[in-house]
Amino acid sequence: MVRRQELSSLYRVRSGASEGVDFGLIGGLLVITALALMDLVTMIDLLGALVVGSMVAAALSTPLRTVAVSFYGVAWALVLGAPDHWTAAHFLRLGLNISGGAIGYSIAMLRVTREESLRRMIRIAEIAQQAVLRPPPDVLVEAELALP
């Protein structure tokens, strides 16, 4: 049987609600920064790939932090569009980043909602288990056996 502390620690790690480091936020920002710097250095058009940072944040962080990572990606996409002289292809890739951020937010909301409902179900199961499995009394007084 899985203990309550193990499940609650699992929830805190997956939802990004832990007191420590938020790996979704940091990972998303690092992915976007790395892709943007590769775009600057190599002059390969990687604007469409910036949406990967939003997906990393959606999988590991809270919805609000996912939106922050998405805004960071869109800001980089705007900055990297200047050498392209704001072509239609650039605006298409910018739209891809914006819609990817919206999808990432939806994924993060669904994940957090499911984790919260799982946490409520675990709490209900714990209460039911405590009600059914009460510890036996230390001393039985006036107990009689029913014999046929």
N, C-alpha and C. Protein backbone atom coordinates (compact mmCIF):
# COMPACT_ATOMS: atom_id res chain seq x y z
N MET A 1 0.84 -1.18 0.00
CA MET A 1 0.00 0.00 0.00
C MET A 1 0.89 1.25 0.00
N VAL A 2 0.53 2.22 -0.79
CA VAL A 2 1.29 3.45 -0.88
C VAL A 2 0.90 4.35 0.28
N ARG A 3 1.88 4.91 0.92
CA ARG A 3 1.62 5.77 2.07
C ARG A 3 1.23 7.18 1.62
N ARG A 4 0.54 7.86 2.50
CA ARG A 4 0.05 9.19 2.20
C ARG A 4 1.20 10.16 1.92
N GLN A 5 2.28 10.08 2.69
CA GLN A 5 3.40 10.99 2.51
C GLN A 5 4.03 10.79 1.12
N GLU A 6 4.10 9.54 0.67
CA GLU A 6 4.67 9.29 -0.65
C GLU A 6 3.81 9.91 -1.74
N LEU A 7 2.50 9.78 -1.61
CA LEU A 7 1.60 10.34 -2.62
C LEU A 7 1.62 11.86 -2.60
N SER A 8 1.65 12.45 -1.41
CA SER A 8 1.66 13.91 -1.36
C SER A 8 2.97 14.47 -1.89
N SER A 9 4.08 13.77 -1.62
CA SER A 9 5.35 14.24 -2.17
C SER A 9 5.36 14.07 -3.69
N LEU A 10 4.77 12.99 -4.18
CA LEU A 10 4.66 12.79 -5.63
C LEU A 10 3.83 13.92 -6.25
N TYR A 11 2.74 14.30 -5.60
CA TYR A 11 1.91 15.38 -6.13
C TYR A 11 2.70 16.69 -6.18
N ARG A 12 3.43 17.00 -5.10
CA ARG A 12 4.17 18.26 -5.08
C ARG A 12 5.23 18.30 -6.17
N VAL A 13 5.89 17.18 -6.43
CA VAL A 13 6.93 17.16 -7.45
C VAL A 13 6.32 17.31 -8.84
N ARG A 14 5.24 16.60 -9.14
CA ARG A 14 4.65 16.63 -10.48
C ARG A 14 3.95 17.94 -10.79
N SER A 15 3.33 18.54 -9.80
CA SER A 15 2.53 19.72 -10.09
C SER A 15 3.34 21.00 -10.10
N GLY A 16 4.59 20.95 -9.68
CA GLY A 16 5.38 22.16 -9.60
C GLY A 16 5.05 22.98 -8.38
N ALA A 17 4.29 22.42 -7.45
CA ALA A 17 3.88 23.15 -6.26
C ALA A 17 4.86 22.99 -5.12
N SER A 18 6.01 22.42 -5.38
CA SER A 18 6.97 22.19 -4.31
C SER A 18 7.59 23.51 -3.87
N GLU A 19 8.17 23.47 -2.70
CA GLU A 19 8.80 24.67 -2.16
C GLU A 19 10.15 24.94 -2.83
N GLY A 20 10.72 23.93 -3.45
CA GLY A 20 12.06 24.04 -4.02
C GLY A 20 12.05 24.53 -5.45
N VAL A 21 12.88 23.91 -6.24
CA VAL A 21 13.11 24.31 -7.63
C VAL A 21 11.96 23.83 -8.51
N ASP A 22 11.51 24.69 -9.40
CA ASP A 22 10.49 24.33 -10.38
C ASP A 22 11.19 23.94 -11.68
N PHE A 23 11.31 22.64 -11.90
CA PHE A 23 12.03 22.15 -13.07
C PHE A 23 11.33 22.48 -14.37
N GLY A 24 10.01 22.59 -14.35
CA GLY A 24 9.28 22.94 -15.56
C GLY A 24 9.59 24.36 -16.02
N LEU A 25 9.60 25.28 -15.07
CA LEU A 25 9.90 26.67 -15.39
C LEU A 25 11.33 26.82 -15.88
N ILE A 26 12.26 26.28 -15.12
CA ILE A 26 13.68 26.40 -15.49
C ILE A 26 13.97 25.66 -16.79
N GLY A 27 13.43 24.45 -16.92
CA GLY A 27 13.66 23.68 -18.14
C GLY A 27 13.10 24.36 -19.37
N GLY A 28 11.88 24.91 -19.26
CA GLY A 28 11.28 25.61 -20.39
C GLY A 28 12.07 26.84 -20.80
N LEU A 29 12.51 27.61 -19.80
CA LEU A 29 13.31 28.80 -20.10
C LEU A 29 14.65 28.43 -20.73
N LEU A 30 15.27 27.37 -20.22
CA LEU A 30 16.56 26.94 -20.78
C LEU A 30 16.42 26.44 -22.22
N VAL A 31 15.36 25.69 -22.49
CA VAL A 31 15.14 25.18 -23.86
C VAL A 31 14.94 26.35 -24.82
N ILE A 32 14.12 27.31 -24.43
CA ILE A 32 13.87 28.46 -25.31
C ILE A 32 15.14 29.27 -25.52
N THR A 33 15.89 29.50 -24.44
CA THR A 33 17.12 30.28 -24.55
C THR A 33 18.13 29.56 -25.45
N ALA A 34 18.28 28.26 -25.27
CA ALA A 34 19.23 27.50 -26.10
C ALA A 34 18.83 27.54 -27.57
N LEU A 35 17.55 27.35 -27.86
CA LEU A 35 17.10 27.38 -29.26
C LEU A 35 17.26 28.78 -29.86
N ALA A 36 16.97 29.81 -29.08
CA ALA A 36 17.10 31.18 -29.58
C ALA A 36 18.57 31.52 -29.86
N LEU A 37 19.46 31.11 -28.98
CA LEU A 37 20.88 31.38 -29.21
C LEU A 37 21.40 30.59 -30.40
N MET A 38 20.92 29.36 -30.59
CA MET A 38 21.32 28.59 -31.78
C MET A 38 20.80 29.27 -33.04
N ASP A 39 19.61 29.84 -32.97
CA ASP A 39 19.06 30.57 -34.12
C ASP A 39 19.93 31.78 -34.43
N LEU A 40 20.37 32.49 -33.40
CA LEU A 40 21.21 33.67 -33.61
C LEU A 40 22.57 33.30 -34.19
N VAL A 41 23.17 32.25 -33.67
CA VAL A 41 24.53 31.89 -34.06
C VAL A 41 24.57 31.23 -35.44
N THR A 42 23.67 30.29 -35.68
CA THR A 42 23.74 29.51 -36.91
C THR A 42 22.92 30.10 -38.05
N MET A 43 22.05 31.04 -37.75
CA MET A 43 21.15 31.64 -38.74
C MET A 43 20.22 30.60 -39.36
N ILE A 44 19.99 29.49 -38.66
CA ILE A 44 18.97 28.52 -39.05
C ILE A 44 17.67 28.96 -38.39
N ASP A 45 16.60 28.96 -39.13
CA ASP A 45 15.33 29.46 -38.61
C ASP A 45 14.70 28.45 -37.65
N LEU A 46 14.82 28.72 -36.35
CA LEU A 46 14.30 27.81 -35.32
C LEU A 46 13.14 28.42 -34.54
N LEU A 47 12.49 29.42 -35.10
CA LEU A 47 11.41 30.08 -34.37
C LEU A 47 10.27 29.13 -34.04
N GLY A 48 9.95 28.23 -34.94
CA GLY A 48 8.87 27.28 -34.69
C GLY A 48 9.18 26.30 -33.58
N ALA A 49 10.46 26.06 -33.34
CA ALA A 49 10.86 25.12 -32.30
C ALA A 49 10.80 25.73 -30.90
N LEU A 50 10.64 27.03 -30.79
CA LEU A 50 10.59 27.67 -29.47
C LEU A 50 9.39 27.20 -28.65
N VAL A 51 8.39 26.65 -29.31
CA VAL A 51 7.19 26.18 -28.62
C VAL A 51 7.51 24.98 -27.72
N VAL A 52 8.63 24.31 -27.95
CA VAL A 52 9.01 23.16 -27.13
C VAL A 52 9.18 23.57 -25.67
N GLY A 53 9.68 24.76 -25.43
CA GLY A 53 9.83 25.24 -24.05
C GLY A 53 8.49 25.34 -23.33
N SER A 54 7.46 25.77 -24.03
CA SER A 54 6.12 25.83 -23.44
C SER A 54 5.60 24.45 -23.10
N MET A 55 5.90 23.48 -23.95
CA MET A 55 5.44 22.11 -23.69
C MET A 55 6.17 21.49 -22.50
N VAL A 56 7.46 21.81 -22.35
CA VAL A 56 8.21 21.33 -21.18
C VAL A 56 7.59 21.91 -19.91
N ALA A 57 7.28 23.19 -19.93
CA ALA A 57 6.67 23.82 -18.76
C ALA A 57 5.27 23.26 -18.50
N ALA A 58 4.52 22.97 -19.56
CA ALA A 58 3.17 22.43 -19.38
C ALA A 58 3.20 21.06 -18.72
N ALA A 59 4.23 20.28 -19.03
CA ALA A 59 4.32 18.93 -18.47
C ALA A 59 4.78 18.93 -17.02
N LEU A 60 5.52 19.95 -16.60
CA LEU A 60 6.16 19.89 -15.28
C LEU A 60 5.81 21.03 -14.33
N SER A 61 5.13 22.04 -14.79
CA SER A 61 4.92 23.22 -13.95
C SER A 61 3.45 23.60 -13.88
N THR A 62 3.18 24.68 -13.18
CA THR A 62 1.81 25.16 -13.02
C THR A 62 1.36 25.92 -14.27
N PRO A 63 0.06 26.12 -14.44
CA PRO A 63 -0.41 26.85 -15.62
C PRO A 63 0.12 28.28 -15.70
N LEU A 64 0.20 28.97 -14.58
CA LEU A 64 0.69 30.35 -14.60
C LEU A 64 2.15 30.41 -15.04
N ARG A 65 2.94 29.49 -14.56
CA ARG A 65 4.35 29.46 -14.96
C ARG A 65 4.49 29.02 -16.42
N THR A 66 3.58 28.20 -16.89
CA THR A 66 3.58 27.81 -18.30
C THR A 66 3.31 29.03 -19.18
N VAL A 67 2.40 29.89 -18.75
CA VAL A 67 2.12 31.12 -19.50
C VAL A 67 3.35 32.02 -19.51
N ALA A 68 4.06 32.10 -18.38
CA ALA A 68 5.27 32.92 -18.31
C ALA A 68 6.32 32.41 -19.30
N VAL A 69 6.50 31.10 -19.37
CA VAL A 69 7.45 30.52 -20.32
C VAL A 69 6.99 30.79 -21.76
N SER A 70 5.69 30.71 -22.00
CA SER A 70 5.17 30.99 -23.35
C SER A 70 5.42 32.43 -23.76
N PHE A 71 5.21 33.37 -22.85
CA PHE A 71 5.50 34.78 -23.14
C PHE A 71 6.98 34.99 -23.44
N TYR A 72 7.82 34.29 -22.70
CA TYR A 72 9.26 34.37 -22.93
C TYR A 72 9.59 33.87 -24.34
N GLY A 73 8.96 32.78 -24.76
CA GLY A 73 9.19 32.26 -26.11
C GLY A 73 8.69 33.20 -27.19
N VAL A 74 7.53 33.82 -26.96
CA VAL A 74 6.99 34.77 -27.94
C VAL A 74 7.88 36.01 -28.02
N ALA A 75 8.41 36.45 -26.89
CA ALA A 75 9.31 37.61 -26.89
C ALA A 75 10.57 37.30 -27.71
N TRP A 76 11.14 36.12 -27.51
CA TRP A 76 12.30 35.72 -28.31
C TRP A 76 11.93 35.64 -29.79
N ALA A 77 10.75 35.13 -30.10
CA ALA A 77 10.33 35.02 -31.49
C ALA A 77 10.20 36.40 -32.13
N LEU A 78 9.73 37.37 -31.37
CA LEU A 78 9.65 38.74 -31.89
C LEU A 78 11.04 39.31 -32.16
N VAL A 79 11.94 39.10 -31.21
CA VAL A 79 13.31 39.62 -31.36
C VAL A 79 14.02 38.96 -32.54
N LEU A 80 13.84 37.67 -32.68
CA LEU A 80 14.53 36.95 -33.75
C LEU A 80 13.92 37.22 -35.12
N GLY A 81 12.77 37.86 -35.17
CA GLY A 81 12.14 38.16 -36.46
C GLY A 81 12.68 39.40 -37.13
N ALA A 82 13.43 40.22 -36.42
CA ALA A 82 13.96 41.45 -37.00
C ALA A 82 14.86 41.20 -38.21
N PRO A 83 15.77 40.23 -38.18
CA PRO A 83 16.59 40.01 -39.38
C PRO A 83 15.79 39.54 -40.59
N ASP A 84 14.63 38.94 -40.37
CA ASP A 84 13.80 38.47 -41.48
C ASP A 84 12.95 39.58 -42.07
N HIS A 85 13.06 40.77 -41.53
CA HIS A 85 12.29 41.93 -41.98
C HIS A 85 10.79 41.68 -41.88
N TRP A 86 10.38 40.97 -40.83
CA TRP A 86 8.97 40.75 -40.51
C TRP A 86 8.18 40.17 -41.69
N THR A 87 8.66 39.09 -42.24
CA THR A 87 8.00 38.44 -43.37
C THR A 87 6.76 37.67 -42.90
N ALA A 88 5.99 37.21 -43.87
CA ALA A 88 4.79 36.44 -43.55
C ALA A 88 5.16 35.12 -42.87
N ALA A 89 6.29 34.54 -43.27
CA ALA A 89 6.74 33.29 -42.64
C ALA A 89 7.06 33.53 -41.16
N HIS A 90 7.61 34.69 -40.85
CA HIS A 90 7.90 35.01 -39.45
C HIS A 90 6.61 35.12 -38.64
N PHE A 91 5.61 35.77 -39.20
CA PHE A 91 4.34 35.90 -38.47
C PHE A 91 3.65 34.56 -38.32
N LEU A 92 3.82 33.67 -39.29
CA LEU A 92 3.28 32.32 -39.17
C LEU A 92 3.94 31.59 -38.00
N ARG A 93 5.26 31.70 -37.90
CA ARG A 93 5.98 31.05 -36.79
C ARG A 93 5.63 31.71 -35.45
N LEU A 94 5.42 33.00 -35.46
CA LEU A 94 5.01 33.70 -34.25
C LEU A 94 3.63 33.21 -33.80
N GLY A 95 2.73 33.04 -34.76
CA GLY A 95 1.41 32.49 -34.43
C GLY A 95 1.50 31.07 -33.90
N LEU A 96 2.43 30.30 -34.43
CA LEU A 96 2.66 28.95 -33.92
C LEU A 96 3.08 28.98 -32.46
N ASN A 97 3.94 29.91 -32.10
CA ASN A 97 4.37 30.04 -30.71
C ASN A 97 3.23 30.48 -29.80
N ILE A 98 2.41 31.38 -30.27
CA ILE A 98 1.28 31.84 -29.46
C ILE A 98 0.27 30.72 -29.26
N SER A 99 -0.07 30.03 -30.34
CA SER A 99 -1.04 28.93 -30.20
C SER A 99 -0.44 27.77 -29.40
N GLY A 100 0.85 27.53 -29.53
CA GLY A 100 1.51 26.50 -28.72
C GLY A 100 1.48 26.85 -27.24
N GLY A 101 1.62 28.13 -26.93
CA GLY A 101 1.51 28.56 -25.54
C GLY A 101 0.11 28.36 -24.99
N ALA A 102 -0.90 28.63 -25.82
CA ALA A 102 -2.29 28.41 -25.38
C ALA A 102 -2.56 26.92 -25.17
N ILE A 103 -2.05 26.09 -26.05
CA ILE A 103 -2.21 24.64 -25.88
C ILE A 103 -1.47 24.17 -24.64
N GLY A 104 -0.27 24.70 -24.42
CA GLY A 104 0.49 24.35 -23.22
C GLY A 104 -0.25 24.73 -21.95
N TYR A 105 -0.88 25.90 -21.95
CA TYR A 105 -1.67 26.32 -20.79
C TYR A 105 -2.82 25.34 -20.55
N SER A 106 -3.50 24.94 -21.63
CA SER A 106 -4.61 23.99 -21.49
C SER A 106 -4.12 22.65 -20.94
N ILE A 107 -2.99 22.18 -21.42
CA ILE A 107 -2.43 20.92 -20.93
C ILE A 107 -2.10 21.04 -19.44
N ALA A 108 -1.48 22.13 -19.05
CA ALA A 108 -1.13 22.32 -17.64
C ALA A 108 -2.38 22.39 -16.76
N MET A 109 -3.43 23.06 -17.24
CA MET A 109 -4.67 23.14 -16.47
C MET A 109 -5.30 21.76 -16.31
N LEU A 110 -5.35 20.99 -17.37
CA LEU A 110 -5.91 19.64 -17.29
C LEU A 110 -5.10 18.78 -16.32
N ARG A 111 -3.79 18.86 -16.40
CA ARG A 111 -2.93 18.05 -15.54
C ARG A 111 -3.12 18.43 -14.07
N VAL A 112 -3.14 19.71 -13.77
CA VAL A 112 -3.30 20.16 -12.39
C VAL A 112 -4.68 19.79 -11.87
N THR A 113 -5.72 19.92 -12.69
CA THR A 113 -7.07 19.55 -12.28
C THR A 113 -7.16 18.07 -11.96
N ARG A 114 -6.56 17.24 -12.80
CA ARG A 114 -6.57 15.79 -12.54
C ARG A 114 -5.79 15.45 -11.29
N GLU A 115 -4.68 16.11 -11.07
CA GLU A 115 -3.89 15.84 -9.86
C GLU A 115 -4.65 16.26 -8.61
N GLU A 116 -5.37 17.38 -8.68
CA GLU A 116 -6.15 17.81 -7.53
C GLU A 116 -7.29 16.84 -7.25
N SER A 117 -7.96 16.34 -8.29
CA SER A 117 -9.03 15.37 -8.06
C SER A 117 -8.47 14.06 -7.52
N LEU A 118 -7.30 13.67 -7.98
CA LEU A 118 -6.65 12.47 -7.44
C LEU A 118 -6.32 12.67 -5.96
N ARG A 119 -5.84 13.84 -5.62
CA ARG A 119 -5.53 14.13 -4.22
C ARG A 119 -6.79 14.07 -3.36
N ARG A 120 -7.91 14.58 -3.87
CA ARG A 120 -9.18 14.51 -3.12
C ARG A 120 -9.63 13.06 -2.96
N MET A 121 -9.50 12.26 -4.03
CA MET A 121 -9.89 10.85 -3.94
C MET A 121 -9.02 10.11 -2.92
N ILE A 122 -7.74 10.42 -2.90
CA ILE A 122 -6.84 9.78 -1.93
C ILE A 122 -7.26 10.14 -0.52
N ARG A 123 -7.61 11.38 -0.30
CA ARG A 123 -8.04 11.82 1.04
C ARG A 123 -9.33 11.12 1.44
N ILE A 124 -10.28 11.00 0.53
CA ILE A 124 -11.54 10.30 0.83
C ILE A 124 -11.26 8.84 1.14
N ALA A 125 -10.38 8.21 0.38
CA ALA A 125 -10.03 6.80 0.63
C ALA A 125 -9.36 6.64 1.98
N GLU A 126 -8.51 7.59 2.36
CA GLU A 126 -7.86 7.52 3.67
C GLU A 126 -8.88 7.62 4.79
N ILE A 127 -9.84 8.53 4.66
CA ILE A 127 -10.86 8.70 5.70
C ILE A 127 -11.72 7.44 5.78
N ALA A 128 -12.09 6.88 4.64
CA ALA A 128 -12.89 5.65 4.64
C ALA A 128 -12.11 4.50 5.26
N GLN A 129 -10.84 4.41 4.96
CA GLN A 129 -10.02 3.34 5.52
C GLN A 129 -9.88 3.50 7.03
N GLN A 130 -9.73 4.71 7.50
CA GLN A 130 -9.63 4.94 8.94
C GLN A 130 -10.94 4.61 9.64
N ALA A 131 -12.06 4.86 8.97
CA ALA A 131 -13.36 4.56 9.58
C ALA A 131 -13.60 3.06 9.66
N VAL A 132 -13.17 2.33 8.65
CA VAL A 132 -13.40 0.89 8.60
C VAL A 132 -12.38 0.13 9.43
N LEU A 133 -11.16 0.52 9.37
CA LEU A 133 -10.08 -0.22 10.01
C LEU A 133 -9.63 0.45 11.31
N ARG A 134 -10.51 0.55 12.24
CA ARG A 134 -10.13 1.12 13.53
C ARG A 134 -9.31 0.09 14.29
N PRO A 135 -8.38 0.54 15.10
CA PRO A 135 -7.57 -0.42 15.86
C PRO A 135 -8.42 -1.14 16.90
N PRO A 136 -8.15 -2.43 17.13
CA PRO A 136 -8.92 -3.17 18.14
C PRO A 136 -8.60 -2.65 19.54
N PRO A 137 -9.54 -2.75 20.44
CA PRO A 137 -9.28 -2.28 21.80
C PRO A 137 -8.20 -3.14 22.46
N ASP A 138 -7.50 -2.53 23.41
CA ASP A 138 -6.43 -3.24 24.11
C ASP A 138 -6.97 -4.38 24.97
N VAL A 139 -8.08 -4.15 25.63
CA VAL A 139 -8.65 -5.15 26.54
C VAL A 139 -10.10 -5.39 26.16
N LEU A 140 -10.47 -6.65 26.04
CA LEU A 140 -11.86 -7.00 25.78
C LEU A 140 -12.50 -7.37 27.10
N VAL A 141 -13.52 -6.67 27.46
CA VAL A 141 -14.23 -6.99 28.71
C VAL A 141 -15.60 -7.53 28.37
N GLU A 142 -16.03 -8.47 29.15
CA GLU A 142 -17.34 -9.09 29.01
C GLU A 142 -17.60 -9.58 27.58
N ALA A 143 -16.64 -10.25 27.03
CA ALA A 143 -16.82 -10.83 25.70
C ALA A 143 -17.29 -12.26 25.84
N GLU A 144 -18.27 -12.63 25.08
CA GLU A 144 -18.79 -13.99 25.11
C GLU A 144 -18.69 -14.58 23.72
N LEU A 145 -18.43 -15.85 23.66
CA LEU A 145 -18.38 -16.55 22.39
C LEU A 145 -19.72 -17.20 22.12
N ALA A 146 -20.15 -17.14 20.92
CA ALA A 146 -21.40 -17.80 20.54
C ALA A 146 -21.06 -19.20 20.07
N LEU A 147 -21.50 -20.18 20.81
CA LEU A 147 -21.25 -21.58 20.46
C LEU A 147 -22.56 -22.23 20.07
N PRO A 148 -22.53 -23.12 19.05
CA PRO A 148 -23.79 -23.77 18.66
C PRO A 148 -24.23 -24.84 19.63
